[in-house]
Amino acid sequence: MMLTQCKRIDIAYGTSGCIREKIKSFSKYTCKTGGNVMEYEFDTKLVYVFKLGNCDEILNAEVLDASCNTLGYIYPNQTINIVDSLDFNDVAIFKRIIWEDK
């Protein structure tokens, strides 16, 4: 008999199916600490920032819309233009944590 260990992934209620599936896959590849997915309002839309974690200073975070379209990337200590010349760090409004590695 072979036993396998299942890891429960707690994803915030109301998260789109596409983002849920992306988190399930993403959670397998995050760093040992600091991996998370945060929801922001950006340019009147909800977007999701997938941060890999704290294992490398040069890792970036991918920004997706609710349909899993990549809008851009955020690099450590840098700002980024994603949509219509808006700077994410200046105009994004944090809404909630969707998922975090525990």
PDB file of N, CA and C in Angstrom:
ATOM      1  N   MET A   1       0.842  -1.176   0.000  1.00  0.00           N
ATOM      2  CA  MET A   1       0.000   0.000   0.000  1.00  0.00           C
ATOM      3  C   MET A   1       0.890   1.243   0.000  1.00  0.00           C
ATOM      4  N   MET A   2       0.599   2.158  -0.895  1.00  0.00           N
ATOM      5  CA  MET A   2       1.391   3.373  -0.976  1.00  0.00           C
ATOM      6  C   MET A   2       0.580   4.554  -0.463  1.00  0.00           C
ATOM      7  N   LEU A   3       1.165   5.300   0.457  1.00  0.00           N
ATOM      8  CA  LEU A   3       0.500   6.478   0.985  1.00  0.00           C
ATOM      9  C   LEU A   3       1.083   7.719   0.332  1.00  0.00           C
ATOM     10  N   THR A   4       0.223   8.623  -0.022  1.00  0.00           N
ATOM     11  CA  THR A   4       0.693   9.901  -0.554  1.00  0.00           C
ATOM     12  C   THR A   4       0.210  11.002   0.359  1.00  0.00           C
ATOM     13  N   GLN A   5       0.982  12.039   0.420  1.00  0.00           N
ATOM     14  CA  GLN A   5       0.633  13.158   1.270  1.00  0.00           C
ATOM     15  C   GLN A   5      -0.001  14.244   0.422  1.00  0.00           C
ATOM     16  N   CYS A   6      -1.164  14.694   0.828  1.00  0.00           N
ATOM     17  CA  CYS A   6      -1.841  15.773   0.123  1.00  0.00           C
ATOM     18  C   CYS A   6      -1.649  17.056   0.907  1.00  0.00           C
ATOM     19  N   LYS A   7      -1.378  18.114   0.191  1.00  0.00           N
ATOM     20  CA  LYS A   7      -1.216  19.415   0.819  1.00  0.00           C
ATOM     21  C   LYS A   7      -2.463  20.228   0.518  1.00  0.00           C
ATOM     22  N   ARG A   8      -3.149  20.653   1.556  1.00  0.00           N
ATOM     23  CA  ARG A   8      -4.352  21.456   1.374  1.00  0.00           C
ATOM     24  C   ARG A   8      -3.937  22.875   0.979  1.00  0.00           C
ATOM     25  N   ILE A   9      -4.598  23.392  -0.011  1.00  0.00           N
ATOM     26  CA  ILE A   9      -4.320  24.742  -0.475  1.00  0.00           C
ATOM     27  C   ILE A   9      -5.541  25.600  -0.172  1.00  0.00           C
ATOM     28  N   ASP A  10      -5.389  26.527   0.769  1.00  0.00           N
ATOM     29  CA  ASP A  10      -6.487  27.418   1.144  1.00  0.00           C
ATOM     30  C   ASP A  10      -6.471  28.648   0.257  1.00  0.00           C
ATOM     31  N   ILE A  11      -7.507  28.782  -0.564  1.00  0.00           N
ATOM     32  CA  ILE A  11      -7.630  29.906  -1.488  1.00  0.00           C
ATOM     33  C   ILE A  11      -8.871  30.697  -1.092  1.00  0.00           C
ATOM     34  N   ALA A  12      -8.753  32.010  -1.064  1.00  0.00           N
ATOM     35  CA  ALA A  12      -9.840  32.877  -0.619  1.00  0.00           C
ATOM     36  C   ALA A  12     -11.119  32.651  -1.427  1.00  0.00           C
ATOM     37  N   TYR A  13     -12.245  32.721  -0.738  1.00  0.00           N
ATOM     38  CA  TYR A  13     -13.566  32.570  -1.345  1.00  0.00           C
ATOM     39  C   TYR A  13     -13.776  33.648  -2.413  1.00  0.00           C
ATOM     40  N   GLY A  14     -14.411  33.276  -3.497  1.00  0.00           N
ATOM     41  CA  GLY A  14     -14.744  34.229  -4.548  1.00  0.00           C
ATOM     42  C   GLY A  14     -13.666  34.402  -5.604  1.00  0.00           C
ATOM     43  N   THR A  15     -12.580  33.651  -5.493  1.00  0.00           N
ATOM     44  CA  THR A  15     -11.497  33.727  -6.466  1.00  0.00           C
ATOM     45  C   THR A  15     -11.911  32.991  -7.738  1.00  0.00           C
ATOM     46  N   SER A  16     -11.627  33.574  -8.890  1.00  0.00           N
ATOM     47  CA  SER A  16     -12.041  32.970 -10.159  1.00  0.00           C
ATOM     48  C   SER A  16     -11.424  31.579 -10.326  1.00  0.00           C
ATOM     49  N   GLY A  17     -12.097  30.730 -11.089  1.00  0.00           N
ATOM     50  CA  GLY A  17     -11.623  29.363 -11.326  1.00  0.00           C
ATOM     51  C   GLY A  17     -10.253  29.333 -11.978  1.00  0.00           C
ATOM     52  N   CYS A  18     -10.019  30.233 -12.885  1.00  0.00           N
ATOM     53  CA  CYS A  18      -8.731  30.294 -13.572  1.00  0.00           C
ATOM     54  C   CYS A  18      -7.605  30.598 -12.582  1.00  0.00           C
ATOM     55  N   ILE A  19      -7.812  31.577 -11.725  1.00  0.00           N
ATOM     56  CA  ILE A  19      -6.798  31.944 -10.729  1.00  0.00           C
ATOM     57  C   ILE A  19      -6.613  30.804  -9.734  1.00  0.00           C
ATOM     58  N   ARG A  20      -7.690  30.141  -9.348  1.00  0.00           N
ATOM     59  CA  ARG A  20      -7.594  28.981  -8.443  1.00  0.00           C
ATOM     60  C   ARG A  20      -6.679  27.910  -9.032  1.00  0.00           C
ATOM     61  N   GLU A  21      -6.896  27.580 -10.301  1.00  0.00           N
ATOM     62  CA  GLU A  21      -6.084  26.550 -10.952  1.00  0.00           C
ATOM     63  C   GLU A  21      -4.622  26.993 -11.058  1.00  0.00           C
ATOM     64  N   LYS A  22      -4.411  28.249 -11.364  1.00  0.00           N
ATOM     65  CA  LYS A  22      -3.049  28.784 -11.453  1.00  0.00           C
ATOM     66  C   LYS A  22      -2.352  28.682 -10.093  1.00  0.00           C
ATOM     67  N   ILE A  23      -3.063  28.979  -9.008  1.00  0.00           N
ATOM     68  CA  ILE A  23      -2.488  28.898  -7.657  1.00  0.00           C
ATOM     69  C   ILE A  23      -2.114  27.458  -7.318  1.00  0.00           C
ATOM     70  N   LYS A  24      -2.960  26.510  -7.673  1.00  0.00           N
ATOM     71  CA  LYS A  24      -2.664  25.102  -7.392  1.00  0.00           C
ATOM     72  C   LYS A  24      -1.345  24.681  -8.029  1.00  0.00           C
ATOM     73  N   SER A  25      -1.117  25.099  -9.243  1.00  0.00           N
ATOM     74  CA  SER A  25       0.137  24.786  -9.927  1.00  0.00           C
ATOM     75  C   SER A  25       1.289  25.609  -9.350  1.00  0.00           C
ATOM     76  N   PHE A  26       1.072  26.896  -9.174  1.00  0.00           N
ATOM     77  CA  PHE A  26       2.078  27.829  -8.670  1.00  0.00           C
ATOM     78  C   PHE A  26       2.588  27.427  -7.288  1.00  0.00           C
ATOM     79  N   SER A  27       1.709  26.928  -6.437  1.00  0.00           N
ATOM     80  CA  SER A  27       2.076  26.593  -5.057  1.00  0.00           C
ATOM     81  C   SER A  27       3.134  25.487  -4.975  1.00  0.00           C
ATOM     82  N   LYS A  28       3.278  24.710  -6.018  1.00  0.00           N
ATOM     83  CA  LYS A  28       4.269  23.630  -6.044  1.00  0.00           C
ATOM     84  C   LYS A  28       5.686  24.143  -6.303  1.00  0.00           C
ATOM     85  N   TYR A  29       5.804  25.386  -6.785  1.00  0.00           N
ATOM     86  CA  TYR A  29       7.103  25.904  -7.219  1.00  0.00           C
ATOM     87  C   TYR A  29       7.578  27.140  -6.463  1.00  0.00           C
ATOM     88  N   THR A  30       6.850  27.542  -5.425  1.00  0.00           N
ATOM     89  CA  THR A  30       7.254  28.725  -4.676  1.00  0.00           C
ATOM     90  C   THR A  30       8.462  28.424  -3.797  1.00  0.00           C
ATOM     91  N   CYS A  31       9.106  29.487  -3.316  1.00  0.00           N
ATOM     92  CA  CYS A  31      10.220  29.344  -2.376  1.00  0.00           C
ATOM     93  C   CYS A  31       9.685  28.758  -1.063  1.00  0.00           C
ATOM     94  N   LYS A  32      10.585  28.359  -0.185  1.00  0.00           N
ATOM     95  CA  LYS A  32      10.158  27.765   1.087  1.00  0.00           C
ATOM     96  C   LYS A  32       9.422  28.764   1.970  1.00  0.00           C
ATOM     97  N   THR A  33       9.711  30.061   1.811  1.00  0.00           N
ATOM     98  CA  THR A  33       9.008  31.091   2.583  1.00  0.00           C
ATOM     99  C   THR A  33       8.619  32.251   1.686  1.00  0.00           C
ATOM    100  N   GLY A  34       7.537  32.895   2.026  1.00  0.00           N
ATOM    101  CA  GLY A  34       7.154  34.140   1.386  1.00  0.00           C
ATOM    102  C   GLY A  34       6.326  34.054   0.125  1.00  0.00           C
ATOM    103  N   GLY A  35       6.023  32.869  -0.369  1.00  0.00           N
ATOM    104  CA  GLY A  35       5.196  32.760  -1.566  1.00  0.00           C
ATOM    105  C   GLY A  35       3.769  33.188  -1.261  1.00  0.00           C
ATOM    106  N   ASN A  36       3.174  33.982  -2.154  1.00  0.00           N
ATOM    107  CA  ASN A  36       1.795  34.402  -1.938  1.00  0.00           C
ATOM    108  C   ASN A  36       1.165  34.910  -3.225  1.00  0.00           C
ATOM    109  N   VAL A  37      -0.148  35.074  -3.156  1.00  0.00           N
ATOM    110  CA  VAL A  37      -0.908  35.693  -4.232  1.00  0.00           C
ATOM    111  C   VAL A  37      -1.774  36.764  -3.582  1.00  0.00           C
ATOM    112  N   MET A  38      -1.619  37.990  -4.048  1.00  0.00           N
ATOM    113  CA  MET A  38      -2.355  39.127  -3.506  1.00  0.00           C
ATOM    114  C   MET A  38      -3.288  39.685  -4.577  1.00  0.00           C
ATOM    115  N   GLU A  39      -4.450  40.130  -4.128  1.00  0.00           N
ATOM    116  CA  GLU A  39      -5.423  40.743  -5.039  1.00  0.00           C
ATOM    117  C   GLU A  39      -5.348  42.261  -4.884  1.00  0.00           C
ATOM    118  N   TYR A  40      -5.314  42.954  -6.016  1.00  0.00           N
ATOM    119  CA  TYR A  40      -5.271  44.412  -6.041  1.00  0.00           C
ATOM    120  C   TYR A  40      -6.325  44.924  -7.012  1.00  0.00           C
ATOM    121  N   GLU A  41      -6.748  46.151  -6.800  1.00  0.00           N
ATOM    122  CA  GLU A  41      -7.519  46.854  -7.812  1.00  0.00           C
ATOM    123  C   GLU A  41      -6.518  47.702  -8.580  1.00  0.00           C
ATOM    124  N   PHE A  42      -6.521  47.537  -9.889  1.00  0.00           N
ATOM    125  CA  PHE A  42      -5.580  48.264 -10.736  1.00  0.00           C
ATOM    126  C   PHE A  42      -6.275  48.653 -12.027  1.00  0.00           C
ATOM    127  N   ASP A  43      -6.301  49.920 -12.319  1.00  0.00           N
ATOM    128  CA  ASP A  43      -6.936  50.415 -13.542  1.00  0.00           C
ATOM    129  C   ASP A  43      -8.388  49.942 -13.622  1.00  0.00           C
ATOM    130  N   THR A  44      -9.102  50.042 -12.512  1.00  0.00           N
ATOM    131  CA  THR A  44     -10.521  49.677 -12.329  1.00  0.00           C
ATOM    132  C   THR A  44     -10.808  48.178 -12.439  1.00  0.00           C
ATOM    133  N   LYS A  45      -9.780  47.329 -12.460  1.00  0.00           N
ATOM    134  CA  LYS A  45      -9.975  45.883 -12.553  1.00  0.00           C
ATOM    135  C   LYS A  45      -9.256  45.192 -11.409  1.00  0.00           C
ATOM    136  N   LEU A  46      -9.718  43.989 -11.079  1.00  0.00           N
ATOM    137  CA  LEU A  46      -9.001  43.182 -10.097  1.00  0.00           C
ATOM    138  C   LEU A  46      -7.866  42.458 -10.799  1.00  0.00           C
ATOM    139  N   VAL A  47      -6.695  42.510 -10.181  1.00  0.00           N
ATOM    140  CA  VAL A  47      -5.530  41.804 -10.700  1.00  0.00           C
ATOM    141  C   VAL A  47      -4.896  41.015  -9.569  1.00  0.00           C
ATOM    142  N   TYR A  48      -4.066  40.050  -9.923  1.00  0.00           N
ATOM    143  CA  TYR A  48      -3.485  39.133  -8.953  1.00  0.00           C
ATOM    144  C   TYR A  48      -1.972  39.103  -9.127  1.00  0.00           C
ATOM    145  N   VAL A  49      -1.266  39.349  -8.029  1.00  0.00           N
ATOM    146  CA  VAL A  49       0.190  39.368  -8.046  1.00  0.00           C
ATOM    147  C   VAL A  49       0.691  38.065  -7.438  1.00  0.00           C
ATOM    148  N   PHE A  50       1.390  37.259  -8.240  1.00  0.00           N
ATOM    149  CA  PHE A  50       1.933  35.965  -7.836  1.00  0.00           C
ATOM    150  C   PHE A  50       3.393  36.152  -7.473  1.00  0.00           C
ATOM    151  N   LYS A  51       3.685  36.159  -6.168  1.00  0.00           N
ATOM    152  CA  LYS A  51       5.057  36.351  -5.689  1.00  0.00           C
ATOM    153  C   LYS A  51       5.646  34.992  -5.303  1.00  0.00           C
ATOM    154  N   LEU A  52       6.804  34.668  -5.873  1.00  0.00           N
ATOM    155  CA  LEU A  52       7.433  33.367  -5.637  1.00  0.00           C
ATOM    156  C   LEU A  52       7.948  33.184  -4.213  1.00  0.00           C
ATOM    157  N   GLY A  53       8.387  34.249  -3.567  1.00  0.00           N
ATOM    158  CA  GLY A  53       8.860  34.118  -2.193  1.00  0.00           C
ATOM    159  C   GLY A  53      10.198  34.762  -1.945  1.00  0.00           C
ATOM    160  N   ASN A  54      10.851  34.329  -0.853  1.00  0.00           N
ATOM    161  CA  ASN A  54      12.057  34.983  -0.351  1.00  0.00           C
ATOM    162  C   ASN A  54      13.356  34.238  -0.626  1.00  0.00           C
ATOM    163  N   CYS A  55      13.391  33.360  -1.599  1.00  0.00           N
ATOM    164  CA  CYS A  55      14.597  32.550  -1.799  1.00  0.00           C
ATOM    165  C   CYS A  55      15.633  33.192  -2.711  1.00  0.00           C
ATOM    166  N   ASP A  56      15.282  34.286  -3.381  1.00  0.00           N
ATOM    167  CA  ASP A  56      16.222  34.900  -4.305  1.00  0.00           C
ATOM    168  C   ASP A  56      15.833  36.364  -4.500  1.00  0.00           C
ATOM    169  N   GLU A  57      16.798  37.254  -4.377  1.00  0.00           N
ATOM    170  CA  GLU A  57      16.514  38.680  -4.482  1.00  0.00           C
ATOM    171  C   GLU A  57      16.103  39.123  -5.878  1.00  0.00           C
ATOM    172  N   ILE A  58      16.418  38.354  -6.890  1.00  0.00           N
ATOM    173  CA  ILE A  58      16.105  38.796  -8.245  1.00  0.00           C
ATOM    174  C   ILE A  58      14.783  38.234  -8.778  1.00  0.00           C
ATOM    175  N   LEU A  59      14.071  37.465  -7.984  1.00  0.00           N
ATOM    176  CA  LEU A  59      12.799  36.922  -8.436  1.00  0.00           C
ATOM    177  C   LEU A  59      11.789  38.035  -8.643  1.00  0.00           C
ATOM    178  N   ASN A  60      10.959  37.879  -9.641  1.00  0.00           N
ATOM    179  CA  ASN A  60       9.924  38.858  -9.895  1.00  0.00           C
ATOM    180  C   ASN A  60       8.563  38.279  -9.541  1.00  0.00           C
ATOM    181  N   ALA A  61       7.557  39.122  -9.608  1.00  0.00           N
ATOM    182  CA  ALA A  61       6.186  38.690  -9.355  1.00  0.00           C
ATOM    183  C   ALA A  61       5.383  38.913 -10.635  1.00  0.00           C
ATOM    184  N   GLU A  62       4.613  37.929 -11.016  1.00  0.00           N
ATOM    185  CA  GLU A  62       3.789  38.032 -12.219  1.00  0.00           C
ATOM    186  C   GLU A  62       2.445  38.648 -11.854  1.00  0.00           C
ATOM    187  N   VAL A  63       1.952  39.533 -12.712  1.00  0.00           N
ATOM    188  CA  VAL A  63       0.654  40.168 -12.512  1.00  0.00           C
ATOM    189  C   VAL A  63      -0.301  39.631 -13.566  1.00  0.00           C
ATOM    190  N   LEU A  64      -1.427  39.059 -13.088  1.00  0.00           N
ATOM    191  CA  LEU A  64      -2.426  38.461 -13.978  1.00  0.00           C
ATOM    192  C   LEU A  64      -3.783  39.107 -13.763  1.00  0.00           C
ATOM    193  N   ASP A  65      -4.621  39.099 -14.796  1.00  0.00           N
ATOM    194  CA  ASP A  65      -6.009  39.501 -14.599  1.00  0.00           C
ATOM    195  C   ASP A  65      -6.822  38.261 -14.217  1.00  0.00           C
ATOM    196  N   ALA A  66      -8.120  38.419 -13.986  1.00  0.00           N
ATOM    197  CA  ALA A  66      -8.956  37.312 -13.518  1.00  0.00           C
ATOM    198  C   ALA A  66      -9.093  36.186 -14.540  1.00  0.00           C
ATOM    199  N   SER A  67      -8.752  36.451 -15.798  1.00  0.00           N
ATOM    200  CA  SER A  67      -8.796  35.423 -16.846  1.00  0.00           C
ATOM    201  C   SER A  67      -7.433  34.784 -17.078  1.00  0.00           C
ATOM    202  N   CYS A  68      -6.487  35.057 -16.186  1.00  0.00           N
ATOM    203  CA  CYS A  68      -5.128  34.511 -16.240  1.00  0.00           C
ATOM    204  C   CYS A  68      -4.289  35.043 -17.394  1.00  0.00           C
ATOM    205  N   ASN A  69      -4.621  36.215 -17.877  1.00  0.00           N
ATOM    206  CA  ASN A  69      -3.780  36.879 -18.876  1.00  0.00           C
ATOM    207  C   ASN A  69      -2.665  37.611 -18.139  1.00  0.00           C
ATOM    208  N   THR A  70      -1.430  37.428 -18.573  1.00  0.00           N
ATOM    209  CA  THR A  70      -0.305  38.114 -17.950  1.00  0.00           C
ATOM    210  C   THR A  70      -0.311  39.573 -18.374  1.00  0.00           C
ATOM    211  N   LEU A  71      -0.303  40.466 -17.381  1.00  0.00           N
ATOM    212  CA  LEU A  71      -0.277  41.896 -17.641  1.00  0.00           C
ATOM    213  C   LEU A  71       1.136  42.460 -17.563  1.00  0.00           C
ATOM    214  N   GLY A  72       2.005  41.784 -16.832  1.00  0.00           N
ATOM    215  CA  GLY A  72       3.372  42.242 -16.683  1.00  0.00           C
ATOM    216  C   GLY A  72       4.033  41.601 -15.485  1.00  0.00           C
ATOM    217  N   TYR A  73       5.190  42.139 -15.119  1.00  0.00           N
ATOM    218  CA  TYR A  73       5.971  41.605 -13.998  1.00  0.00           C
ATOM    219  C   TYR A  73       6.441  42.747 -13.119  1.00  0.00           C
ATOM    220  N   ILE A  74       6.568  42.469 -11.848  1.00  0.00           N
ATOM    221  CA  ILE A  74       7.115  43.426 -10.893  1.00  0.00           C
ATOM    222  C   ILE A  74       8.438  42.864 -10.412  1.00  0.00           C
ATOM    223  N   TYR A  75       9.487  43.666 -10.530  1.00  0.00           N
ATOM    224  CA  TYR A  75      10.821  43.255 -10.115  1.00  0.00           C
ATOM    225  C   TYR A  75      11.163  43.914  -8.792  1.00  0.00           C
ATOM    226  N   PRO A  76      11.932  43.262  -7.938  1.00  0.00           N
ATOM    227  CA  PRO A  76      12.302  43.856  -6.646  1.00  0.00           C
ATOM    228  C   PRO A  76      12.955  45.227  -6.830  1.00  0.00           C
ATOM    229  N   ASN A  77      12.543  46.153  -5.986  1.00  0.00           N
ATOM    230  CA  ASN A  77      13.100  47.508  -5.965  1.00  0.00           C
ATOM    231  C   ASN A  77      12.933  48.266  -7.281  1.00  0.00           C
ATOM    232  N   GLN A  78      11.950  47.886  -8.069  1.00  0.00           N
ATOM    233  CA  GLN A  78      11.670  48.598  -9.308  1.00  0.00           C
ATOM    234  C   GLN A  78      10.176  48.788  -9.450  1.00  0.00           C
ATOM    235  N   THR A  79       9.789  49.800 -10.192  1.00  0.00           N
ATOM    236  CA  THR A  79       8.386  49.986 -10.517  1.00  0.00           C
ATOM    237  C   THR A  79       8.163  49.465 -11.927  1.00  0.00           C
ATOM    238  N   ILE A  80       6.913  49.341 -12.302  1.00  0.00           N
ATOM    239  CA  ILE A  80       6.623  48.769 -13.611  1.00  0.00           C
ATOM    240  C   ILE A  80       5.397  49.433 -14.216  1.00  0.00           C
ATOM    241  N   ASN A  81       5.438  49.671 -15.492  1.00  0.00           N
ATOM    242  CA  ASN A  81       4.263  50.100 -16.233  1.00  0.00           C
ATOM    243  C   ASN A  81       3.611  48.848 -16.780  1.00  0.00           C
ATOM    244  N   ILE A  82       2.351  48.670 -16.467  1.00  0.00           N
ATOM    245  CA  ILE A  82       1.660  47.473 -16.933  1.00  0.00           C
ATOM    246  C   ILE A  82       0.610  47.836 -17.974  1.00  0.00           C
ATOM    247  N   VAL A  83      -0.267  48.753 -17.631  1.00  0.00           N
ATOM    248  CA  VAL A  83      -1.380  49.079 -18.505  1.00  0.00           C
ATOM    249  C   VAL A  83      -1.467  50.594 -18.668  1.00  0.00           C
ATOM    250  N   ASP A  84      -1.593  51.054 -19.884  1.00  0.00           N
ATOM    251  CA  ASP A  84      -1.840  52.462 -20.171  1.00  0.00           C
ATOM    252  C   ASP A  84      -0.901  53.408 -19.430  1.00  0.00           C
ATOM    253  N   SER A  85       0.351  53.044 -19.340  1.00  0.00           N
ATOM    254  CA  SER A  85       1.380  53.873 -18.694  1.00  0.00           C
ATOM    255  C   SER A  85       1.100  54.141 -17.216  1.00  0.00           C
ATOM    256  N   LEU A  86       0.305  53.309 -16.589  1.00  0.00           N
ATOM    257  CA  LEU A  86       0.073  53.446 -15.148  1.00  0.00           C
ATOM    258  C   LEU A  86       1.156  52.689 -14.411  1.00  0.00           C
ATOM    259  N   ASP A  87       1.674  53.269 -13.374  1.00  0.00           N
ATOM    260  CA  ASP A  87       2.698  52.616 -12.574  1.00  0.00           C
ATOM    261  C   ASP A  87       2.011  51.820 -11.467  1.00  0.00           C
ATOM    262  N   PHE A  88       2.162  50.511 -11.506  1.00  0.00           N
ATOM    263  CA  PHE A  88       1.473  49.627 -10.565  1.00  0.00           C
ATOM    264  C   PHE A  88       1.707  50.032  -9.118  1.00  0.00           C
ATOM    265  N   ASN A  89       2.950  50.288  -8.758  1.00  0.00           N
ATOM    266  CA  ASN A  89       3.271  50.605  -7.368  1.00  0.00           C
ATOM    267  C   ASN A  89       2.635  51.895  -6.889  1.00  0.00           C
ATOM    268  N   ASP A  90       2.329  52.799  -7.804  1.00  0.00           N
ATOM    269  CA  ASP A  90       1.733  54.074  -7.420  1.00  0.00           C
ATOM    270  C   ASP A  90       0.215  54.040  -7.348  1.00  0.00           C
ATOM    271  N   VAL A  91      -0.423  53.217  -8.162  1.00  0.00           N
ATOM    272  CA  VAL A  91      -1.884  53.299  -8.259  1.00  0.00           C
ATOM    273  C   VAL A  91      -2.639  52.042  -7.827  1.00  0.00           C
ATOM    274  N   ALA A  92      -1.978  50.925  -7.657  1.00  0.00           N
ATOM    275  CA  ALA A  92      -2.675  49.694  -7.255  1.00  0.00           C
ATOM    276  C   ALA A  92      -3.168  49.807  -5.819  1.00  0.00           C
ATOM    277  N   ILE A  93      -4.365  49.309  -5.583  1.00  0.00           N
ATOM    278  CA  ILE A  93      -4.964  49.330  -4.255  1.00  0.00           C
ATOM    279  C   ILE A  93      -5.071  47.888  -3.758  1.00  0.00           C
ATOM    280  N   PHE A  94      -4.376  47.590  -2.655  1.00  0.00           N
ATOM    281  CA  PHE A  94      -4.409  46.244  -2.088  1.00  0.00           C
ATOM    282  C   PHE A  94      -5.820  45.928  -1.619  1.00  0.00           C
ATOM    283  N   LYS A  95      -6.311  44.730  -1.976  1.00  0.00           N
ATOM    284  CA  LYS A  95      -7.642  44.282  -1.557  1.00  0.00           C
ATOM    285  C   LYS A  95      -7.557  43.178  -0.503  1.00  0.00           C
ATOM    286  N   ARG A  96      -6.828  42.096  -0.828  1.00  0.00           N
ATOM    287  CA  ARG A  96      -6.770  40.969   0.110  1.00  0.00           C
ATOM    288  C   ARG A  96      -5.701  39.962  -0.305  1.00  0.00           C
ATOM    289  N   ILE A  97      -5.388  39.096   0.649  1.00  0.00           N
ATOM    290  CA  ILE A  97      -4.506  37.960   0.373  1.00  0.00           C
ATOM    291  C   ILE A  97      -5.383  36.839  -0.156  1.00  0.00           C
ATOM    292  N   ILE A  98      -5.043  36.328  -1.320  1.00  0.00           N
ATOM    293  CA  ILE A  98      -5.801  35.227  -1.915  1.00  0.00           C
ATOM    294  C   ILE A  98      -5.257  33.891  -1.446  1.00  0.00           C
ATOM    295  N   TRP A  99      -3.941  33.790  -1.384  1.00  0.00           N
ATOM    296  CA  TRP A  99      -3.284  32.561  -0.948  1.00  0.00           C
ATOM    297  C   TRP A  99      -1.894  32.911  -0.430  1.00  0.00           C
ATOM    298  N   GLU A 100      -1.450  32.195   0.599  1.00  0.00           N
ATOM    299  CA  GLU A 100      -0.060  32.329   1.039  1.00  0.00           C
ATOM    300  C   GLU A 100       0.437  30.988   1.537  1.00  0.00           C
ATOM    301  N   ASP A 101       1.707  30.739   1.263  1.00  0.00           N
ATOM    302  CA  ASP A 101       2.338  29.497   1.690  1.00  0.00           C
ATOM    303  C   ASP A 101       2.520  29.540   3.196  1.00  0.00           C
ATOM    304  N   LYS A 102       2.071  28.513   3.861  1.00  0.00           N
ATOM    305  CA  LYS A 102       2.167  28.481   5.324  1.00  0.00           C
ATOM    306  C   LYS A 102       3.034  27.356   5.770  1.00  0.00           C
TER     307      LYS A 102
END
